[in-house]
N, C-alpha and C. Protein backbone atom coordinates (compact mmCIF):
# COMPACT_ATOMS: atom_id res chain seq x y z
N UNK A 1 74.58 16.88 -7.23
CA UNK A 1 73.18 17.07 -7.37
C UNK A 1 72.46 16.66 -6.10
N UNK A 2 71.35 17.26 -5.93
CA UNK A 2 70.56 16.98 -4.75
C UNK A 2 69.87 15.63 -4.94
N UNK A 3 69.84 14.75 -3.93
CA UNK A 3 69.25 13.42 -4.12
C UNK A 3 67.75 13.48 -4.42
N UNK A 4 67.05 14.53 -4.01
CA UNK A 4 65.62 14.61 -4.29
C UNK A 4 65.38 14.90 -5.76
N UNK A 5 66.39 15.50 -6.43
CA UNK A 5 66.23 15.79 -7.84
C UNK A 5 66.74 14.65 -8.71
N UNK A 6 67.40 13.70 -8.13
CA UNK A 6 67.96 12.58 -8.87
C UNK A 6 66.95 11.43 -8.90
N UNK A 7 65.82 11.68 -9.56
CA UNK A 7 64.76 10.69 -9.63
C UNK A 7 64.80 10.09 -11.03
N UNK A 8 64.81 8.77 -11.07
CA UNK A 8 64.89 8.12 -12.38
C UNK A 8 63.50 7.84 -12.94
N UNK A 9 63.55 7.31 -14.17
CA UNK A 9 62.31 7.04 -14.88
C UNK A 9 61.45 6.00 -14.14
N UNK A 10 62.06 5.00 -13.62
CA UNK A 10 61.33 3.94 -12.90
C UNK A 10 60.66 4.51 -11.65
N UNK A 11 61.35 5.40 -10.99
CA UNK A 11 60.79 6.01 -9.78
C UNK A 11 59.57 6.87 -10.13
N UNK A 12 59.66 7.59 -11.23
CA UNK A 12 58.52 8.42 -11.65
C UNK A 12 57.32 7.54 -12.02
N UNK A 13 57.56 6.43 -12.71
CA UNK A 13 56.48 5.52 -13.06
C UNK A 13 55.83 4.92 -11.82
N UNK A 14 56.67 4.59 -10.85
CA UNK A 14 56.17 4.02 -9.61
C UNK A 14 55.31 5.04 -8.86
N UNK A 15 55.71 6.27 -8.81
CA UNK A 15 54.96 7.34 -8.14
C UNK A 15 53.63 7.59 -8.86
N UNK A 16 53.68 7.61 -10.20
CA UNK A 16 52.47 7.84 -10.99
C UNK A 16 51.48 6.69 -10.78
N UNK A 17 51.98 5.47 -10.73
CA UNK A 17 51.10 4.31 -10.51
C UNK A 17 50.46 4.38 -9.12
N UNK A 18 51.23 4.80 -8.13
CA UNK A 18 50.68 4.95 -6.77
C UNK A 18 49.61 6.02 -6.72
N UNK A 19 49.84 7.15 -7.43
CA UNK A 19 48.85 8.24 -7.45
C UNK A 19 47.57 7.77 -8.15
N UNK A 20 47.76 7.02 -9.24
CA UNK A 20 46.59 6.52 -9.98
C UNK A 20 45.80 5.52 -9.12
N UNK A 21 46.50 4.68 -8.41
CA UNK A 21 45.84 3.70 -7.53
C UNK A 21 45.09 4.42 -6.41
N UNK A 22 45.67 5.49 -5.88
CA UNK A 22 45.00 6.26 -4.82
C UNK A 22 43.75 6.95 -5.36
N UNK A 23 43.86 7.44 -6.61
CA UNK A 23 42.71 8.09 -7.23
C UNK A 23 41.58 7.07 -7.48
N UNK A 24 41.94 5.88 -7.95
CA UNK A 24 40.93 4.84 -8.19
C UNK A 24 40.34 4.31 -6.89
N UNK A 25 41.10 4.36 -5.81
CA UNK A 25 40.62 3.86 -4.53
C UNK A 25 39.45 4.71 -4.02
N UNK A 26 39.42 5.98 -4.44
CA UNK A 26 38.32 6.85 -4.03
C UNK A 26 36.99 6.33 -4.57
N UNK A 27 37.03 5.74 -5.78
CA UNK A 27 35.80 5.33 -6.44
C UNK A 27 35.38 3.90 -6.12
N UNK A 28 36.22 3.17 -5.44
CA UNK A 28 35.86 1.80 -5.09
C UNK A 28 34.76 1.82 -4.03
N UNK A 29 33.81 0.88 -4.12
CA UNK A 29 32.76 0.86 -3.11
C UNK A 29 33.31 0.47 -1.75
N UNK A 30 32.83 1.17 -0.76
CA UNK A 30 33.26 0.88 0.60
C UNK A 30 32.29 -0.13 1.21
N UNK A 31 32.69 -0.70 2.28
CA UNK A 31 31.81 -1.63 2.99
C UNK A 31 30.62 -0.83 3.53
N UNK A 32 29.43 -1.30 3.23
CA UNK A 32 28.23 -0.59 3.63
C UNK A 32 27.98 -0.78 5.12
N UNK A 33 27.56 0.31 5.73
CA UNK A 33 27.17 0.22 7.13
C UNK A 33 25.66 0.04 7.17
N UNK A 34 25.22 -1.01 7.75
CA UNK A 34 23.79 -1.29 7.84
C UNK A 34 23.23 -0.48 9.00
N UNK A 35 22.19 0.28 8.69
CA UNK A 35 21.55 1.09 9.71
C UNK A 35 20.82 0.15 10.67
N UNK A 36 21.03 0.31 11.96
CA UNK A 36 20.37 -0.59 12.91
C UNK A 36 18.85 -0.39 12.96
N UNK A 37 18.36 0.77 12.54
CA UNK A 37 16.93 1.04 12.57
C UNK A 37 16.26 0.83 11.22
N UNK A 38 16.98 0.19 10.29
CA UNK A 38 16.44 -0.01 8.94
C UNK A 38 15.15 -0.81 8.98
N UNK A 39 15.13 -1.93 9.64
CA UNK A 39 13.95 -2.78 9.71
C UNK A 39 12.81 -2.07 10.44
N UNK A 40 13.16 -1.31 11.47
CA UNK A 40 12.15 -0.58 12.23
C UNK A 40 11.48 0.48 11.35
N UNK A 41 12.28 1.22 10.59
CA UNK A 41 11.73 2.24 9.70
C UNK A 41 10.89 1.60 8.59
N UNK A 42 11.34 0.47 8.09
CA UNK A 42 10.57 -0.24 7.07
C UNK A 42 9.21 -0.69 7.62
N UNK A 43 9.20 -1.16 8.86
CA UNK A 43 7.95 -1.57 9.49
C UNK A 43 7.03 -0.36 9.70
N UNK A 44 7.61 0.78 10.08
CA UNK A 44 6.81 1.99 10.25
C UNK A 44 6.20 2.43 8.92
N UNK A 45 6.98 2.37 7.84
CA UNK A 45 6.46 2.73 6.52
C UNK A 45 5.32 1.80 6.11
N UNK A 46 5.51 0.52 6.36
CA UNK A 46 4.47 -0.45 6.02
C UNK A 46 3.19 -0.19 6.83
N UNK A 47 3.35 0.15 8.11
CA UNK A 47 2.20 0.43 8.95
C UNK A 47 1.47 1.70 8.47
N UNK A 48 2.25 2.73 8.11
CA UNK A 48 1.64 3.96 7.60
C UNK A 48 0.88 3.69 6.31
N UNK A 49 1.48 2.90 5.43
CA UNK A 49 0.83 2.56 4.17
C UNK A 49 -0.46 1.78 4.41
N UNK A 50 -0.42 0.84 5.32
CA UNK A 50 -1.62 0.06 5.65
C UNK A 50 -2.71 0.98 6.22
N UNK A 51 -2.32 1.94 7.06
CA UNK A 51 -3.29 2.87 7.64
C UNK A 51 -3.91 3.75 6.57
N UNK A 52 -3.09 4.24 5.64
CA UNK A 52 -3.60 5.08 4.55
C UNK A 52 -4.57 4.28 3.70
N UNK A 53 -4.21 3.04 3.38
CA UNK A 53 -5.10 2.20 2.58
C UNK A 53 -6.42 1.94 3.31
N UNK A 54 -6.32 1.70 4.62
CA UNK A 54 -7.53 1.45 5.42
C UNK A 54 -8.42 2.69 5.43
N UNK A 55 -7.81 3.87 5.64
CA UNK A 55 -8.58 5.11 5.66
C UNK A 55 -9.27 5.34 4.32
N UNK A 56 -8.55 5.10 3.22
CA UNK A 56 -9.14 5.29 1.90
C UNK A 56 -10.29 4.31 1.67
N UNK A 57 -10.13 3.08 2.11
CA UNK A 57 -11.19 2.11 1.91
C UNK A 57 -12.42 2.47 2.75
N UNK A 58 -12.20 2.98 3.95
CA UNK A 58 -13.32 3.43 4.79
C UNK A 58 -14.03 4.61 4.13
N UNK A 59 -13.25 5.54 3.58
CA UNK A 59 -13.85 6.70 2.91
C UNK A 59 -14.65 6.26 1.69
N UNK A 60 -14.11 5.33 0.91
CA UNK A 60 -14.84 4.83 -0.26
C UNK A 60 -16.11 4.12 0.16
N UNK A 61 -16.03 3.33 1.22
CA UNK A 61 -17.23 2.63 1.70
C UNK A 61 -18.28 3.63 2.17
N UNK A 62 -17.85 4.70 2.82
CA UNK A 62 -18.79 5.72 3.28
C UNK A 62 -19.46 6.41 2.09
N UNK A 63 -18.69 6.66 1.05
CA UNK A 63 -19.26 7.29 -0.15
C UNK A 63 -20.26 6.35 -0.81
N UNK A 64 -19.89 5.07 -0.90
CA UNK A 64 -20.82 4.10 -1.48
C UNK A 64 -22.10 4.00 -0.66
N UNK A 65 -21.96 3.98 0.66
CA UNK A 65 -23.13 3.89 1.54
C UNK A 65 -24.01 5.12 1.40
N UNK A 66 -23.38 6.30 1.31
CA UNK A 66 -24.16 7.54 1.15
C UNK A 66 -24.92 7.51 -0.17
N UNK A 67 -24.29 7.02 -1.23
CA UNK A 67 -24.97 6.93 -2.52
C UNK A 67 -26.13 5.94 -2.45
N UNK A 68 -25.90 4.82 -1.78
CA UNK A 68 -26.97 3.82 -1.64
C UNK A 68 -28.12 4.39 -0.81
N UNK A 69 -27.79 5.12 0.26
CA UNK A 69 -28.83 5.74 1.09
C UNK A 69 -29.63 6.77 0.30
N UNK A 70 -28.94 7.55 -0.52
CA UNK A 70 -29.62 8.55 -1.32
C UNK A 70 -30.55 7.88 -2.33
N UNK A 71 -30.06 6.82 -2.96
CA UNK A 71 -30.90 6.10 -3.92
C UNK A 71 -32.12 5.50 -3.22
N UNK A 72 -31.91 4.94 -2.03
CA UNK A 72 -33.02 4.36 -1.28
C UNK A 72 -34.02 5.43 -0.86
N UNK A 73 -33.52 6.62 -0.49
CA UNK A 73 -34.40 7.72 -0.12
C UNK A 73 -35.26 8.14 -1.30
N UNK A 74 -34.67 8.16 -2.48
CA UNK A 74 -35.43 8.52 -3.68
C UNK A 74 -36.52 7.48 -3.95
N UNK A 75 -36.13 6.21 -3.83
CA UNK A 75 -37.11 5.13 -4.04
C UNK A 75 -38.23 5.23 -3.01
N UNK A 76 -37.87 5.46 -1.75
CA UNK A 76 -38.88 5.59 -0.70
C UNK A 76 -39.81 6.78 -0.96
N UNK A 77 -39.23 7.90 -1.41
CA UNK A 77 -40.04 9.09 -1.68
C UNK A 77 -41.00 8.82 -2.83
N UNK A 78 -40.51 8.14 -3.87
CA UNK A 78 -41.38 7.82 -5.00
C UNK A 78 -42.50 6.87 -4.56
N UNK A 79 -42.15 5.89 -3.72
CA UNK A 79 -43.16 4.95 -3.23
C UNK A 79 -44.19 5.68 -2.38
N UNK A 80 -43.74 6.63 -1.56
CA UNK A 80 -44.67 7.40 -0.72
C UNK A 80 -45.60 8.24 -1.59
N UNK A 81 -45.05 8.86 -2.65
CA UNK A 81 -45.89 9.65 -3.55
C UNK A 81 -46.91 8.76 -4.27
N UNK A 82 -46.46 7.58 -4.69
CA UNK A 82 -47.38 6.66 -5.37
C UNK A 82 -48.48 6.22 -4.41
N UNK A 83 -48.12 5.91 -3.17
CA UNK A 83 -49.12 5.49 -2.18
C UNK A 83 -50.09 6.62 -1.88
N UNK A 84 -49.57 7.84 -1.79
CA UNK A 84 -50.42 8.99 -1.53
C UNK A 84 -51.39 9.22 -2.69
N UNK A 85 -50.88 9.08 -3.93
CA UNK A 85 -51.75 9.26 -5.09
C UNK A 85 -52.83 8.18 -5.12
N UNK A 86 -52.45 6.95 -4.78
CA UNK A 86 -53.42 5.86 -4.75
C UNK A 86 -54.48 6.10 -3.69
N UNK A 87 -54.04 6.56 -2.53
CA UNK A 87 -54.99 6.86 -1.45
C UNK A 87 -55.94 7.97 -1.87
N UNK A 88 -55.41 9.00 -2.52
CA UNK A 88 -56.27 10.10 -2.98
C UNK A 88 -57.26 9.60 -4.01
N UNK A 89 -56.79 8.77 -4.93
CA UNK A 89 -57.67 8.23 -5.96
C UNK A 89 -58.78 7.38 -5.34
N UNK A 90 -58.41 6.55 -4.36
CA UNK A 90 -59.41 5.72 -3.69
C UNK A 90 -60.41 6.59 -2.93
N UNK A 91 -59.90 7.65 -2.30
CA UNK A 91 -60.78 8.56 -1.57
C UNK A 91 -61.79 9.22 -2.49
N UNK A 92 -61.32 9.65 -3.67
CA UNK A 92 -62.22 10.27 -4.64
C UNK A 92 -63.28 9.28 -5.09
N UNK A 93 -62.87 8.03 -5.33
CA UNK A 93 -63.82 7.00 -5.77
C UNK A 93 -64.86 6.73 -4.68
N UNK A 94 -64.40 6.64 -3.42
CA UNK A 94 -65.34 6.41 -2.32
C UNK A 94 -66.33 7.57 -2.22
N UNK A 95 -65.80 8.78 -2.41
CA UNK A 95 -66.65 9.96 -2.34
C UNK A 95 -67.70 9.94 -3.46
N UNK A 96 -67.26 9.58 -4.68
CA UNK A 96 -68.20 9.49 -5.81
C UNK A 96 -69.26 8.42 -5.55
N UNK A 97 -68.83 7.28 -5.02
CA UNK A 97 -69.78 6.20 -4.73
C UNK A 97 -70.77 6.62 -3.65
N UNK A 98 -70.24 7.33 -2.64
CA UNK A 98 -71.13 7.80 -1.57
C UNK A 98 -72.16 8.78 -2.12
N UNK A 99 -71.71 9.70 -3.03
CA UNK A 99 -72.65 10.65 -3.64
C UNK A 99 -73.66 9.92 -4.51
N UNK A 100 -73.19 8.94 -5.26
CA UNK A 100 -74.10 8.17 -6.11
C UNK A 100 -75.11 7.41 -5.25
N UNK A 101 -74.63 6.83 -4.16
CA UNK A 101 -75.54 6.10 -3.26
C UNK A 101 -76.54 7.06 -2.65
N UNK A 102 -76.09 8.25 -2.28
CA UNK A 102 -77.00 9.24 -1.68
C UNK A 102 -78.02 9.70 -2.71
N UNK A 103 -77.58 9.93 -3.96
CA UNK A 103 -78.51 10.34 -5.02
C UNK A 103 -79.54 9.23 -5.28
N UNK A 104 -79.04 7.99 -5.31
CA UNK A 104 -79.95 6.85 -5.55
C UNK A 104 -80.96 6.75 -4.41
N UNK A 105 -80.52 6.94 -3.17
CA UNK A 105 -81.42 6.87 -2.02
C UNK A 105 -82.45 8.00 -2.09
N UNK A 106 -81.95 9.19 -2.50
CA UNK A 106 -82.87 10.33 -2.61
C UNK A 106 -83.93 10.05 -3.67
N UNK A 107 -83.53 9.45 -4.82
CA UNK A 107 -84.49 9.12 -5.87
C UNK A 107 -85.51 8.09 -5.36
N UNK A 108 -85.02 7.07 -4.64
CA UNK A 108 -85.92 6.04 -4.09
C UNK A 108 -86.92 6.68 -3.13
N UNK A 109 -86.37 7.53 -2.23
CA UNK A 109 -87.24 8.19 -1.26
C UNK A 109 -88.29 9.05 -1.96
N UNK A 110 -87.87 9.73 -3.04
CA UNK A 110 -88.80 10.58 -3.78
C UNK A 110 -89.89 9.73 -4.43
N UNK A 111 -89.50 8.58 -5.00
CA UNK A 111 -90.48 7.68 -5.61
C UNK A 111 -91.44 7.14 -4.55
N UNK A 112 -90.86 6.77 -3.40
CA UNK A 112 -91.69 6.24 -2.31
C UNK A 112 -92.67 7.30 -1.83
N UNK A 113 -92.18 8.53 -1.67
CA UNK A 113 -93.06 9.63 -1.22
C UNK A 113 -94.14 9.91 -2.25
N UNK A 114 -93.79 9.85 -3.53
CA UNK A 114 -94.80 10.08 -4.60
C UNK A 114 -95.83 8.98 -4.58
N UNK A 115 -95.42 7.77 -4.37
CA UNK A 115 -96.35 6.65 -4.34
C UNK A 115 -97.28 6.80 -3.12
N UNK A 116 -96.72 7.17 -1.98
CA UNK A 116 -97.55 7.35 -0.77
C UNK A 116 -98.54 8.50 -0.98
N UNK A 117 -98.06 9.55 -1.71
CA UNK A 117 -98.95 10.68 -1.95
C UNK A 117 -100.09 10.29 -2.87
N UNK A 118 -99.88 9.40 -3.80
CA UNK A 118 -100.93 8.95 -4.73
C UNK A 118 -101.89 8.01 -4.01
N UNK A 119 -101.41 7.30 -3.13
CA UNK A 119 -102.26 6.31 -2.51
C UNK A 119 -103.09 6.82 -1.42
């Protein structure tokens, strides 16, 4: 018989165990290689995140400021309208008083002229 065909039971078990060990070796974790730029990339990610957060906070602050400015503009416009209405009201009152004073003066002058005419 050929010696390659003369394999005993123990030899077959030994070969099977070696094959199984080789198969399991594929699934064993290997030593991890640490990327030399890992810390650098992490720092870049952190910087990008900080920049995004800063940009968002600036945008939110701008929106808040615009809303505050709009509210202040409305308040200022209302105050201007109220002041204008008050000025108009005062002007009308001054005009009425001036007319009343003129009418009163005219009546006095008429009385004075009538008295002079009688005398």
